[in-house]
Amino acid sequence: MGNRRRVAERRKTNPAVLGGMIAVVVGGAGFGVYALYGGGAVADSRTSASSSADDEAEDVKTGPLSAEEVTTAAETFLTAWQKGKVTEAAAATDDTAAAKALLAAYSKDAHIKDVTLTAGARTGDKVSFSVKGTVSYKGTSKPVAYDSSLTVARRAEDGRPLVAWRSAIVHPDLRDGDRLVTGESGTPPVKALDRDGGELTEKEYPSLGSVLDGLREKYGKKAGGKAGVELQVVRGEASKKDELSDKTLLELSKGTPGTVKTTLSPTLQAAAEKQVAAKPKASVVVLRPSTGEILAAANSSHGFNTAFQGSLAPGSTMKVVTSSLLIEKGLATADKQRPCPKYFTYGHWKFQNDDKFEIKGGTFKASFARSCNTAFISQAPELDDDSLTKQAQQVFGLSLNNWSVGVPTFDGSVPVQSQAQMAASLIGQGGVRMNPLNMASVSATVKSGTFKQPYLVSPEVDGRRLATAARTMSASTLSQLRGLMAYTAAYGTAAEAMAGVSGDVGAKTGSAEVDGQKKPNGWFTAYRGDLAAAGVVQAAGHGGETAGPIVAALLKLGG
């Protein structure tokens, strides 16, 4: 029952319950019958309270919600929404203004009518429900159906159970600030093609949904198509900052698509989809080092494109960039001795190796291959705060926010840091953030010797200019770096995953600790011949065991 406190009494009213259903009959409003909780709805219980002219008070609950409170709050909101009583439905939430605006736009801007809401099972404070309705615009109509959910929370000031408002209640593809709009789409559709001329569809390649949206947004008006009438998610400012594209939910009348050819390989894309589907929160990208062409990009979690837009600490895969820096500055040589102690303290932080291992009398090559953190951290006192940032930008083309891939991307971030954070950045922690596209590009730069900006659509299509790097590594640095990655692929932490991957190969593993996760994010970046790839599996463990097999399988296939 929870604890109680006293506040002034408020009147309560109950919805009518008939035969285990909520009956909603609204003349002329276009709304259907709403059935809640299957065979029987739970009637609202009233708490009796003594009252007088001088002092009216009631007990107010705190603590966890009861099943009855959750179902009643959900019932109140959904019934009002279905009946078109926007103000009443909004009042059943904890953010009346935001709820009222979006619910009003549901019929006014999205043109959705004849709505029927059917609640599913309750799980704790969460209630799932289905939505069926009709989208009508200028004489054209189509049915729309989808599933959503809501969560009930107790308001602190009066203990009242209310729907915890978020835009995704109205439609699961909405983020706060987004809108649902039906009308003539401002951007014509596109027909995206793979490098061989075959059509790319989300049905065949589930990971490409956000990529196809991005291609339409950038090339729809340039590809010669004609817009149709659609129900769309129109992104708000917050979503645009995250570089999310508008999303088509329903086509009322088809437009005429223009054609956009991409660099994707149908064979590698299909294989990448299969590889990531076997592991939750997995992402991978495959590139051609000699050109920068993106051959495959896949995510097991659809919606947000982690492969291109993720911003995650890359862990020890960042040691590829750091090694190039240390070698160029004469602070490390592949075959010369480099201490790898159990611990090293810098900036008042005590760093250690995985399982506190040490390598006595080992070379820098051995430290790279076993991913010794302290061999890198120990060089922090010899570096300037911006040394790693400059190396990433000037040699690897990262952290400049200037890539022009053809769809939205995050181009990596290596901020200037000091003390312990600077030291942590040397091993891919601190403020360093990357995604598989960035780390595949790192391996591609090592393989080709020159940074080639990755791209999905040829710059010849629209005349855009690709990013370039300010300089290349010296021949000696490049040779040693390739040797380090080759040794790691054969004898180091990447050896098990790379077993059977023949030819000119190199690899590096990584594990990135994340606050609140029991297991680290596992990273793997590698190259074989004229292919480079990188992948991450979040919250799954060490990279050689998680992301490694995904990357290796694609390198084998592509080679």
Protein backbone atom coordinates (compact mmCIF):
# COMPACT_ATOMS: atom_id res chain seq x y z
CA MET A 1 0.00 0.00 0.00
CA GLY A 2 2.97 2.34 0.56
CA ASN A 3 3.28 5.31 2.83
CA ARG A 4 0.59 7.99 3.04
CA ARG A 5 0.37 11.69 3.65
CA ARG A 6 -2.56 14.12 3.82
CA VAL A 7 -3.57 16.71 1.25
CA ALA A 8 -6.78 18.51 0.38
CA GLU A 9 -9.42 16.20 -1.12
CA ARG A 10 -10.11 16.16 -4.85
CA ARG A 11 -13.19 14.70 -6.41
CA LYS A 12 -12.86 11.56 -8.51
CA THR A 13 -15.09 10.22 -11.27
CA ASN A 14 -15.13 6.72 -12.70
CA PRO A 15 -15.46 5.68 -16.35
CA ALA A 16 -18.41 3.41 -17.03
CA VAL A 17 -17.52 -0.29 -17.17
CA LEU A 18 -19.94 -2.47 -19.18
CA GLY A 19 -19.42 -6.22 -19.33
CA GLY A 20 -15.66 -5.97 -19.00
CA MET A 21 -15.34 -3.37 -21.77
CA ILE A 22 -15.18 0.37 -21.99
CA ALA A 23 -17.96 1.39 -24.36
CA VAL A 24 -17.18 4.50 -26.37
CA VAL A 25 -19.95 5.78 -28.61
CA VAL A 26 -19.31 9.20 -30.09
CA GLY A 27 -21.79 10.51 -32.61
CA GLY A 28 -20.11 11.98 -35.67
CA ALA A 29 -16.62 11.93 -34.17
CA GLY A 30 -15.40 9.05 -36.27
CA PHE A 31 -14.07 6.97 -33.37
CA GLY A 32 -14.74 3.28 -32.89
CA VAL A 33 -15.12 0.99 -29.90
CA TYR A 34 -12.22 0.64 -27.52
CA ALA A 35 -11.79 -2.69 -25.72
CA LEU A 36 -9.48 -2.61 -22.72
CA TYR A 37 -7.74 -5.57 -21.03
CA GLY A 38 -9.45 -8.34 -22.92
CA GLY A 39 -12.11 -10.16 -20.88
CA GLY A 40 -12.54 -7.66 -18.12
CA ALA A 41 -11.44 -4.22 -17.11
CA VAL A 42 -10.82 -3.41 -13.49
CA ALA A 43 -13.19 -0.78 -12.21
CA ASP A 44 -11.69 2.29 -10.59
CA SER A 45 -11.65 1.95 -6.84
CA ARG A 46 -12.50 4.93 -4.71
CA THR A 47 -10.86 5.74 -1.46
CA SER A 48 -13.39 6.95 1.02
CA ALA A 49 -12.52 9.98 3.05
CA SER A 50 -14.35 11.81 5.74
CA SER A 51 -15.12 15.39 4.89
CA SER A 52 -16.54 18.43 6.52
CA ALA A 53 -17.07 22.03 5.62
CA ASP A 54 -14.02 22.96 7.65
CA ASP A 55 -11.57 20.23 6.68
CA GLU A 56 -11.61 17.95 3.66
CA ALA A 57 -8.72 15.54 3.37
CA GLU A 58 -7.82 12.22 1.82
CA ASP A 59 -4.96 9.80 2.05
CA VAL A 60 -2.41 10.12 -0.77
CA LYS A 61 -0.28 7.16 -1.72
CA THR A 62 3.44 7.07 -2.23
CA GLY A 63 5.60 4.15 -3.23
CA PRO A 64 5.10 1.56 -6.03
CA LEU A 65 1.97 1.62 -8.15
CA SER A 66 -0.60 -1.16 -7.84
CA ALA A 67 -1.83 -3.07 -10.90
CA GLU A 68 -5.19 -1.36 -10.53
CA GLU A 69 -3.63 2.09 -10.52
CA VAL A 70 -1.67 1.34 -13.68
CA THR A 71 -4.63 -0.05 -15.61
CA THR A 72 -6.97 2.73 -14.50
CA ALA A 73 -4.52 5.50 -15.48
CA ALA A 74 -3.91 3.85 -18.85
CA GLU A 75 -7.66 3.40 -19.37
CA THR A 76 -8.37 7.06 -18.62
CA PHE A 77 -5.77 8.29 -21.09
CA LEU A 78 -6.53 5.89 -23.94
CA THR A 79 -10.30 6.32 -23.69
CA ALA A 80 -10.02 10.10 -23.86
CA TRP A 81 -7.54 9.97 -26.73
CA GLN A 82 -9.76 7.64 -28.76
CA LYS A 83 -12.84 9.81 -28.15
CA GLY A 84 -10.97 12.84 -29.45
CA LYS A 85 -11.03 14.57 -26.07
CA VAL A 86 -7.53 15.96 -26.36
CA THR A 87 -7.63 18.17 -23.28
CA GLU A 88 -8.91 15.32 -21.12
CA ALA A 89 -6.32 12.89 -22.46
CA ALA A 90 -3.51 15.40 -21.94
CA ALA A 91 -4.66 15.97 -18.36
CA ALA A 92 -4.13 12.26 -17.72
CA THR A 93 -0.39 12.71 -18.38
CA ASP A 94 2.43 14.36 -16.46
CA ASP A 95 3.11 16.88 -19.26
CA THR A 96 -0.21 18.39 -20.24
CA ALA A 97 1.12 20.99 -22.68
CA ALA A 98 3.32 18.62 -24.71
CA ALA A 99 0.68 15.90 -24.78
CA LYS A 100 -2.07 18.30 -25.85
CA ALA A 101 0.00 19.67 -28.73
CA LEU A 102 0.94 16.28 -30.16
CA LEU A 103 -2.48 14.68 -29.67
CA ALA A 104 -4.19 17.64 -31.35
CA ALA A 105 -1.79 17.37 -34.30
CA TYR A 106 -2.63 13.65 -34.61
CA SER A 107 -5.90 14.51 -36.32
CA LYS A 108 -5.12 18.01 -37.57
CA ASP A 109 -1.69 17.46 -39.15
CA ALA A 110 -1.44 13.69 -39.52
CA HIS A 111 -5.09 13.45 -40.66
CA ILE A 112 -5.66 10.19 -38.78
CA LYS A 113 -9.30 9.38 -37.94
CA ASP A 114 -11.54 6.40 -37.03
CA VAL A 115 -9.07 5.48 -34.32
CA THR A 116 -9.43 2.28 -32.30
CA LEU A 117 -7.06 1.64 -29.39
CA THR A 118 -6.79 -1.83 -27.88
CA ALA A 119 -4.75 -2.42 -24.76
CA GLY A 120 -2.55 -5.47 -24.38
CA ALA A 121 -0.96 -7.02 -21.34
CA ARG A 122 0.34 -4.94 -18.44
CA THR A 123 3.96 -5.52 -17.45
CA GLY A 124 4.73 -3.73 -14.22
CA ASP A 125 4.05 -0.03 -14.80
CA LYS A 126 3.98 -0.46 -18.59
CA VAL A 127 0.91 -1.08 -20.77
CA SER A 128 1.21 -1.98 -24.43
CA PHE A 129 -1.55 -1.14 -26.88
CA SER A 130 -2.37 -1.35 -30.57
CA VAL A 131 -3.55 1.47 -32.80
CA LYS A 132 -5.77 1.15 -35.86
CA GLY A 133 -7.09 4.06 -37.85
CA THR A 134 -7.43 5.66 -41.26
CA VAL A 135 -5.25 8.31 -42.83
CA SER A 136 -7.29 10.56 -45.13
CA TYR A 137 -5.95 13.40 -47.22
CA LYS A 138 -7.69 15.21 -50.09
CA GLY A 139 -9.91 12.28 -51.03
CA THR A 140 -7.27 9.57 -50.61
CA SER A 141 -7.45 7.18 -47.65
CA LYS A 142 -5.45 4.26 -46.36
CA PRO A 143 -5.59 2.22 -43.15
CA VAL A 144 -2.78 2.59 -40.65
CA ALA A 145 -1.92 0.18 -37.83
CA TYR A 146 0.93 -0.06 -35.35
CA ASP A 147 1.80 -1.02 -31.78
CA SER A 148 2.91 1.29 -29.01
CA SER A 149 3.15 1.41 -25.22
CA LEU A 150 2.90 3.75 -22.27
CA THR A 151 4.26 3.85 -18.75
CA VAL A 152 2.41 5.05 -15.67
CA ALA A 153 4.20 6.96 -12.89
CA ARG A 154 3.07 8.45 -9.60
CA ARG A 155 3.10 12.24 -9.38
CA ALA A 156 5.04 13.25 -6.30
CA GLU A 157 2.97 16.22 -5.14
CA ASP A 158 -0.38 14.43 -4.88
CA GLY A 159 0.37 10.74 -5.46
CA ARG A 160 -1.83 10.59 -8.56
CA PRO A 161 -0.96 7.89 -11.13
CA LEU A 162 -0.42 9.55 -14.52
CA VAL A 163 0.87 8.51 -17.93
CA ALA A 164 4.57 9.44 -18.11
CA TRP A 165 4.50 11.50 -21.30
CA ARG A 166 6.83 10.92 -24.20
CA SER A 167 6.18 11.43 -27.89
CA ALA A 168 6.80 7.74 -28.66
CA ILE A 169 3.44 6.94 -27.03
CA VAL A 170 1.70 8.46 -30.05
CA HIS A 171 3.95 6.55 -32.47
CA PRO A 172 7.08 4.51 -31.61
CA ASP A 173 9.15 6.27 -34.30
CA LEU A 174 8.61 9.69 -32.72
CA ARG A 175 11.22 11.31 -30.55
CA ASP A 176 10.37 14.29 -28.38
CA GLY A 177 10.03 17.32 -30.65
CA ASP A 178 9.11 15.27 -33.76
CA ARG A 179 5.70 15.51 -35.49
CA LEU A 180 3.42 13.30 -37.55
CA VAL A 181 2.39 15.00 -40.79
CA THR A 182 0.39 13.80 -43.79
CA GLY A 183 0.68 15.68 -47.05
CA GLU A 184 2.60 16.00 -50.24
CA SER A 185 6.12 15.05 -49.28
CA GLY A 186 8.59 17.83 -49.86
CA THR A 187 11.23 15.34 -50.98
CA PRO A 188 10.55 12.88 -53.82
CA PRO A 189 11.30 9.20 -53.16
CA VAL A 190 14.45 7.56 -54.45
CA LYS A 191 15.22 4.11 -55.74
CA ALA A 192 18.60 3.20 -54.26
CA LEU A 193 20.75 0.77 -56.21
CA ASP A 194 23.73 -1.34 -55.18
CA ARG A 195 26.99 -1.19 -57.11
CA ASP A 196 25.70 -3.88 -59.51
CA GLY A 197 22.43 -2.08 -60.28
CA GLY A 198 20.12 -4.12 -58.02
CA GLU A 199 17.53 -2.31 -55.90
CA LEU A 200 18.24 -1.86 -52.20
CA THR A 201 15.16 -2.29 -49.99
CA GLU A 202 14.68 -2.30 -46.25
CA LYS A 203 12.79 -5.58 -46.55
CA GLU A 204 15.82 -7.35 -48.02
CA TYR A 205 18.42 -5.40 -46.03
CA PRO A 206 16.84 -4.43 -42.66
CA SER A 207 19.86 -2.36 -41.57
CA LEU A 208 19.46 0.07 -44.43
CA GLY A 209 16.25 1.77 -43.30
CA SER A 210 17.96 4.88 -41.95
CA VAL A 211 20.46 4.84 -44.84
CA LEU A 212 17.64 4.86 -47.40
CA ASP A 213 15.95 7.71 -45.50
CA GLY A 214 19.23 9.65 -45.61
CA LEU A 215 19.67 9.03 -49.33
CA ARG A 216 16.18 10.31 -50.02
CA GLU A 217 16.70 13.42 -47.94
CA LYS A 218 19.95 14.31 -49.72
CA TYR A 219 19.24 13.17 -53.27
CA GLY A 220 15.43 13.10 -53.61
CA LYS A 221 15.22 16.50 -55.29
CA LYS A 222 18.36 15.92 -57.35
CA ALA A 223 17.52 12.46 -58.70
CA GLY A 224 14.59 13.54 -60.88
CA GLY A 225 11.70 12.00 -58.93
CA LYS A 226 8.22 13.35 -58.18
CA ALA A 227 6.83 13.59 -54.62
CA GLY A 228 3.80 11.59 -53.50
CA VAL A 229 1.41 11.90 -50.53
CA GLU A 230 2.72 10.34 -47.34
CA LEU A 231 2.33 10.08 -43.59
CA GLN A 232 5.74 11.07 -42.29
CA VAL A 233 7.70 11.58 -39.11
CA VAL A 234 9.01 15.14 -39.47
CA ARG A 235 12.05 15.52 -37.25
CA GLY A 236 12.38 18.26 -34.66
CA GLU A 237 15.51 20.17 -33.72
CA ALA A 238 16.79 17.57 -31.24
CA SER A 239 16.52 14.78 -33.81
CA LYS A 240 18.17 16.93 -36.47
CA LYS A 241 21.10 17.55 -34.16
CA ASP A 242 21.48 13.78 -34.00
CA GLU A 243 21.30 13.82 -37.82
CA LEU A 244 18.13 11.74 -38.01
CA SER A 245 16.22 12.01 -41.29
CA ASP A 246 12.48 12.38 -41.78
CA LYS A 247 10.84 8.97 -42.02
CA THR A 248 7.98 7.80 -44.25
CA LEU A 249 5.43 5.66 -42.36
CA LEU A 250 2.73 5.25 -45.01
CA GLU A 251 2.36 6.10 -48.70
CA LEU A 252 -1.13 7.25 -49.64
CA SER A 253 -0.13 7.83 -53.23
CA LYS A 254 3.19 6.87 -54.65
CA GLY A 255 5.53 9.43 -56.05
CA THR A 256 7.84 8.76 -58.94
CA PRO A 257 11.26 7.81 -57.54
CA GLY A 258 14.55 9.05 -58.86
CA THR A 259 17.52 6.68 -58.99
CA VAL A 260 20.61 6.87 -56.81
CA LYS A 261 23.45 4.38 -57.22
CA THR A 262 25.50 3.46 -54.16
CA THR A 263 28.81 1.69 -53.63
CA LEU A 264 27.29 -1.16 -51.58
CA SER A 265 28.12 -4.72 -52.57
CA PRO A 266 24.97 -6.91 -52.51
CA THR A 267 27.01 -9.96 -51.50
CA LEU A 268 28.84 -8.25 -48.64
CA GLN A 269 25.74 -6.36 -47.49
CA ALA A 270 23.72 -9.58 -47.26
CA ALA A 271 26.55 -11.27 -45.39
CA ALA A 272 26.92 -8.31 -43.01
CA GLU A 273 23.18 -8.40 -42.24
CA LYS A 274 23.46 -12.09 -41.41
CA GLN A 275 26.52 -11.63 -39.21
CA VAL A 276 25.12 -8.84 -37.03
CA ALA A 277 21.72 -10.50 -36.71
CA ALA A 278 23.33 -13.25 -34.63
CA LYS A 279 24.36 -10.83 -31.86
CA PRO A 280 22.43 -8.03 -30.13
CA LYS A 281 23.79 -4.49 -30.44
CA ALA A 282 26.29 -5.43 -33.15
CA SER A 283 27.42 -3.11 -35.97
CA VAL A 284 29.93 -3.50 -38.80
CA VAL A 285 31.26 -1.57 -41.82
CA VAL A 286 33.36 -2.79 -44.78
CA LEU A 287 35.40 -0.41 -46.97
CA ARG A 288 37.66 -0.54 -50.00
CA PRO A 289 40.94 1.09 -48.84
CA SER A 290 42.14 2.06 -52.32
CA THR A 291 39.06 4.22 -53.00
CA GLY A 292 37.11 4.75 -49.75
CA GLU A 293 34.00 3.06 -51.17
CA ILE A 294 31.65 1.66 -48.52
CA LEU A 295 30.83 -1.92 -49.44
CA ALA A 296 28.62 -2.90 -46.50
CA ALA A 297 27.14 -1.42 -43.33
CA ALA A 298 24.87 -3.29 -40.93
CA ASN A 299 23.38 -3.03 -37.43
CA SER A 300 21.50 -5.67 -35.47
CA SER A 301 19.47 -2.90 -33.79
CA HIS A 302 17.48 -1.11 -36.45
CA GLY A 303 16.41 2.54 -36.38
CA PHE A 304 19.55 4.36 -35.25
CA ASN A 305 22.51 3.76 -37.54
CA THR A 306 25.27 2.99 -35.02
CA ALA A 307 27.59 1.87 -37.83
CA PHE A 308 27.69 5.42 -39.25
CA GLN A 309 26.41 7.66 -36.46
CA GLY A 310 27.40 5.90 -33.25
CA SER A 311 29.60 7.75 -30.77
CA LEU A 312 31.35 5.17 -28.60
CA ALA A 313 34.74 4.88 -26.92
CA PRO A 314 36.75 2.62 -29.26
CA GLY A 315 39.02 1.12 -26.60
CA SER A 316 42.30 -0.38 -27.70
CA THR A 317 41.54 -0.19 -31.43
CA MET A 318 42.56 3.46 -30.95
CA LYS A 319 46.09 2.18 -30.24
CA VAL A 320 46.55 1.99 -34.02
CA VAL A 321 46.39 5.81 -34.17
CA THR A 322 48.38 6.20 -30.94
CA SER A 323 51.11 3.84 -32.18
CA SER A 324 51.56 5.87 -35.34
CA LEU A 325 52.03 8.94 -33.12
CA LEU A 326 54.54 7.30 -30.80
CA ILE A 327 56.58 5.86 -33.67
CA GLU A 328 56.65 9.19 -35.52
CA LYS A 329 57.87 10.99 -32.40
CA GLY A 330 60.57 8.40 -31.73
CA LEU A 331 58.93 7.30 -28.48
CA ALA A 332 58.46 3.70 -29.67
CA THR A 333 59.99 1.33 -32.20
CA ALA A 334 58.27 -1.93 -33.10
CA ASP A 335 61.18 -4.28 -32.32
CA LYS A 336 62.76 -2.36 -29.45
CA GLN A 337 62.11 -2.96 -25.79
CA ARG A 338 59.12 -1.18 -24.30
CA PRO A 339 58.18 -1.62 -20.60
CA CYS A 340 54.73 -3.08 -19.92
CA PRO A 341 54.28 -2.93 -16.12
CA LYS A 342 51.13 -4.01 -14.29
CA TYR A 343 50.36 -0.41 -13.32
CA PHE A 344 51.22 3.13 -14.32
CA THR A 345 50.01 6.28 -12.55
CA TYR A 346 49.47 9.54 -14.40
CA GLY A 347 47.35 12.56 -13.57
CA HIS A 348 46.48 11.01 -10.20
CA TRP A 349 44.90 7.99 -11.91
CA LYS A 350 46.29 4.49 -11.53
CA PHE A 351 45.98 2.65 -14.84
CA GLN A 352 46.35 -1.11 -15.18
CA ASN A 353 46.29 -3.85 -17.79
CA ASP A 354 43.53 -6.37 -18.27
CA ASP A 355 43.87 -8.95 -15.49
CA LYS A 356 46.88 -6.90 -14.30
CA PHE A 357 49.29 -8.71 -16.62
CA GLU A 358 52.81 -7.47 -17.34
CA ILE A 359 55.40 -8.18 -20.02
CA LYS A 360 58.93 -8.23 -18.68
CA GLY A 361 61.58 -7.31 -21.20
CA GLY A 362 59.10 -7.29 -24.09
CA THR A 363 59.12 -5.21 -27.27
CA PHE A 364 56.63 -2.56 -28.31
CA LYS A 365 55.34 -5.07 -30.86
CA ALA A 366 54.57 -7.51 -28.03
CA SER A 367 52.78 -4.79 -26.07
CA PHE A 368 50.67 -3.84 -29.12
CA ALA A 369 49.81 -7.46 -29.86
CA ARG A 370 48.73 -8.20 -26.26
CA SER A 371 47.09 -4.78 -25.93
CA CYS A 372 49.19 -3.59 -23.00
CA ASN A 373 47.66 -0.36 -21.71
CA THR A 374 50.58 0.76 -19.58
CA ALA A 375 53.02 0.68 -22.50
CA PHE A 376 50.95 3.48 -24.03
CA ILE A 377 49.90 5.34 -20.87
CA SER A 378 53.54 5.58 -19.79
CA GLN A 379 54.25 7.82 -22.80
CA ALA A 380 51.71 10.46 -21.75
CA PRO A 381 54.35 12.60 -19.96
CA GLU A 382 56.25 12.91 -23.25
CA LEU A 383 53.26 14.17 -25.25
CA ASP A 384 51.47 17.51 -25.55
CA ASP A 385 47.80 17.66 -24.71
CA ASP A 386 46.89 18.04 -28.39
CA SER A 387 49.33 15.48 -29.83
CA LEU A 388 46.80 12.70 -30.34
CA THR A 389 44.16 15.12 -31.63
CA LYS A 390 46.53 16.43 -34.31
CA GLN A 391 47.59 12.92 -35.33
CA ALA A 392 43.97 11.79 -35.71
CA GLN A 393 43.04 14.85 -37.73
CA GLN A 394 46.14 15.33 -39.88
CA VAL A 395 46.90 11.70 -40.76
CA PHE A 396 43.61 9.78 -40.35
CA GLY A 397 41.11 12.52 -41.30
CA LEU A 398 39.15 12.06 -38.07
CA SER A 399 37.53 14.54 -35.68
CA LEU A 400 37.10 17.36 -38.23
CA ASN A 401 33.37 16.91 -38.90
CA ASN A 402 33.88 17.34 -42.63
CA TRP A 403 33.15 13.94 -44.19
CA SER A 404 30.65 13.99 -47.05
CA VAL A 405 29.62 10.35 -47.29
CA GLY A 406 26.21 10.80 -48.96
CA VAL A 407 24.19 10.16 -45.77
CA PRO A 408 24.55 11.56 -42.22
CA THR A 409 27.63 10.33 -40.32
CA PHE A 410 29.57 11.02 -37.15
CA ASP A 411 33.20 11.53 -38.13
CA GLY A 412 34.86 10.65 -34.83
CA SER A 413 35.96 12.86 -31.95
CA VAL A 414 39.42 13.13 -30.40
CA PRO A 415 39.21 16.21 -28.17
CA VAL A 416 42.21 17.94 -26.65
CA GLN A 417 42.46 16.73 -23.05
CA SER A 418 44.93 16.93 -20.19
CA GLN A 419 46.27 14.89 -17.30
CA ALA A 420 44.54 11.52 -16.73
CA GLN A 421 41.94 12.10 -19.47
CA MET A 422 44.68 12.70 -22.04
CA ALA A 423 46.39 9.50 -20.93
CA ALA A 424 43.12 7.57 -21.15
CA SER A 425 42.55 8.84 -24.69
CA LEU A 426 45.76 7.07 -25.78
CA ILE A 427 43.98 3.75 -25.19
CA GLY A 428 40.66 4.83 -26.69
CA GLN A 429 38.94 5.90 -23.49
CA GLY A 430 38.59 9.38 -21.98
CA GLY A 431 36.73 11.62 -24.42
CA VAL A 432 37.58 9.69 -27.60
CA ARG A 433 34.48 8.59 -29.53
CA MET A 434 34.24 6.54 -32.72
CA ASN A 435 31.97 4.19 -34.68
CA PRO A 436 32.66 1.25 -37.02
CA LEU A 437 32.84 3.54 -40.06
CA ASN A 438 35.60 5.59 -38.40
CA MET A 439 37.60 2.57 -37.26
CA ALA A 440 37.25 0.80 -40.61
CA SER A 441 38.69 3.98 -42.12
CA VAL A 442 41.64 3.77 -39.69
CA SER A 443 42.51 0.28 -40.93
CA ALA A 444 41.94 1.40 -44.51
CA THR A 445 44.39 4.28 -44.02
CA VAL A 446 47.04 1.87 -42.71
CA LYS A 447 46.48 -0.48 -45.62
CA SER A 448 46.50 2.15 -48.38
CA GLY A 449 49.00 4.49 -46.71
CA THR A 450 46.74 7.49 -47.35
CA PHE A 451 43.43 8.58 -45.87
CA LYS A 452 40.63 8.14 -48.41
CA GLN A 453 37.37 9.54 -47.09
CA PRO A 454 34.71 6.81 -47.04
CA TYR A 455 31.71 7.41 -49.27
CA LEU A 456 28.42 5.67 -50.08
CA VAL A 457 27.53 7.70 -53.17
CA SER A 458 30.16 8.70 -55.70
CA PRO A 459 31.05 12.42 -55.55
CA GLU A 460 30.57 12.46 -59.32
CA VAL A 461 26.81 12.22 -58.75
CA ASP A 462 26.52 15.67 -57.19
CA GLY A 463 29.98 17.21 -57.50
CA ARG A 464 30.62 17.33 -53.77
CA ARG A 465 34.17 17.46 -52.46
CA LEU A 466 35.50 14.66 -50.28
CA ALA A 467 37.57 15.35 -47.19
CA THR A 468 41.33 14.85 -47.31
CA ALA A 469 44.06 14.53 -44.70
CA ALA A 470 46.79 17.15 -44.28
CA ARG A 471 49.64 14.65 -44.48
CA THR A 472 50.62 11.00 -44.59
CA MET A 473 52.78 8.90 -42.27
CA SER A 474 56.45 8.48 -43.05
CA ALA A 475 57.41 5.30 -44.88
CA SER A 476 59.12 3.96 -41.74
CA THR A 477 56.12 4.65 -39.53
CA LEU A 478 53.73 3.07 -42.00
CA SER A 479 55.89 -0.03 -42.40
CA GLN A 480 56.15 -0.53 -38.63
CA LEU A 481 52.42 0.06 -38.12
CA ARG A 482 51.52 -2.53 -40.75
CA GLY A 483 53.96 -4.91 -39.07
CA LEU A 484 52.30 -4.37 -35.69
CA MET A 485 48.84 -5.12 -37.07
CA ALA A 486 50.08 -8.15 -39.03
CA TYR A 487 51.78 -9.56 -35.91
CA THR A 488 48.60 -9.03 -33.87
CA ALA A 489 46.54 -10.84 -36.50
CA ALA A 490 48.94 -13.80 -36.45
CA TYR A 491 50.05 -14.04 -32.82
CA GLY A 492 48.22 -11.48 -30.70
CA THR A 493 44.74 -10.90 -29.35
CA ALA A 494 43.28 -10.99 -32.90
CA ALA A 495 44.81 -14.34 -33.84
CA GLU A 496 41.86 -16.56 -32.96
CA ALA A 497 39.36 -14.48 -34.93
CA MET A 498 41.72 -14.06 -37.90
CA ALA A 499 42.62 -17.74 -38.15
CA GLY A 500 41.98 -18.79 -41.72
CA VAL A 501 42.04 -15.23 -43.08
CA SER A 502 44.94 -15.45 -45.50
CA GLY A 503 46.88 -12.93 -47.52
CA ASP A 504 48.08 -9.45 -46.60
CA VAL A 505 46.28 -8.99 -43.28
CA GLY A 506 46.43 -6.84 -40.15
CA ALA A 507 44.15 -6.45 -37.14
CA LYS A 508 43.65 -4.86 -33.73
CA THR A 509 41.22 -5.72 -30.95
CA GLY A 510 39.65 -3.40 -28.40
CA SER A 511 37.51 -3.46 -25.28
CA ALA A 512 35.97 -0.25 -23.97
CA GLU A 513 34.67 0.02 -20.42
CA VAL A 514 31.32 1.79 -20.10
CA ASP A 515 29.83 2.99 -16.82
CA GLY A 516 26.88 0.86 -15.77
CA GLN A 517 27.76 -2.08 -18.04
CA LYS A 518 28.88 -5.39 -16.58
CA LYS A 519 30.77 -6.21 -19.76
CA PRO A 520 32.77 -3.87 -22.03
CA ASN A 521 31.98 -3.01 -25.62
CA GLY A 522 33.99 -5.29 -27.88
CA TRP A 523 35.77 -3.74 -30.90
CA PHE A 524 37.70 -5.18 -33.84
CA THR A 525 39.31 -3.48 -36.83
CA ALA A 526 41.24 -5.24 -39.59
CA TYR A 527 42.19 -5.33 -43.27
CA ARG A 528 42.81 -7.99 -45.90
CA GLY A 529 43.98 -7.08 -49.37
CA ASP A 530 41.83 -4.24 -50.65
CA LEU A 531 39.23 -4.63 -47.89
CA ALA A 532 39.09 -3.01 -44.46
CA ALA A 533 36.42 -3.56 -41.83
CA ALA A 534 35.54 -2.70 -38.27
CA GLY A 535 32.81 -3.77 -35.90
CA VAL A 536 31.55 -3.32 -32.38
CA VAL A 537 29.34 -5.47 -30.18
CA GLN A 538 28.09 -3.48 -27.23
CA ALA A 539 28.10 -4.83 -23.66
CA ALA A 540 29.29 -8.25 -24.83
CA GLY A 541 32.94 -8.62 -23.79
CA HIS A 542 36.37 -8.57 -25.42
CA GLY A 543 36.59 -7.60 -29.07
CA GLY A 544 38.51 -10.63 -30.26
CA GLU A 545 35.67 -12.88 -29.11
CA THR A 546 32.68 -10.71 -30.05
CA ALA A 547 33.27 -8.33 -32.96
CA GLY A 548 36.28 -10.26 -34.29
CA PRO A 549 34.38 -13.18 -35.82
CA ILE A 550 31.98 -10.77 -37.57
CA VAL A 551 34.78 -8.77 -39.19
CA ALA A 552 36.85 -11.84 -40.08
CA ALA A 553 33.91 -13.57 -41.77
CA LEU A 554 33.36 -10.56 -44.04
CA LEU A 555 37.06 -10.26 -44.88
CA LYS A 556 37.13 -13.93 -45.85
CA LEU A 557 34.11 -13.52 -48.08
CA GLY A 558 35.33 -10.33 -49.70
CA GLY A 559 38.85 -11.54 -50.22
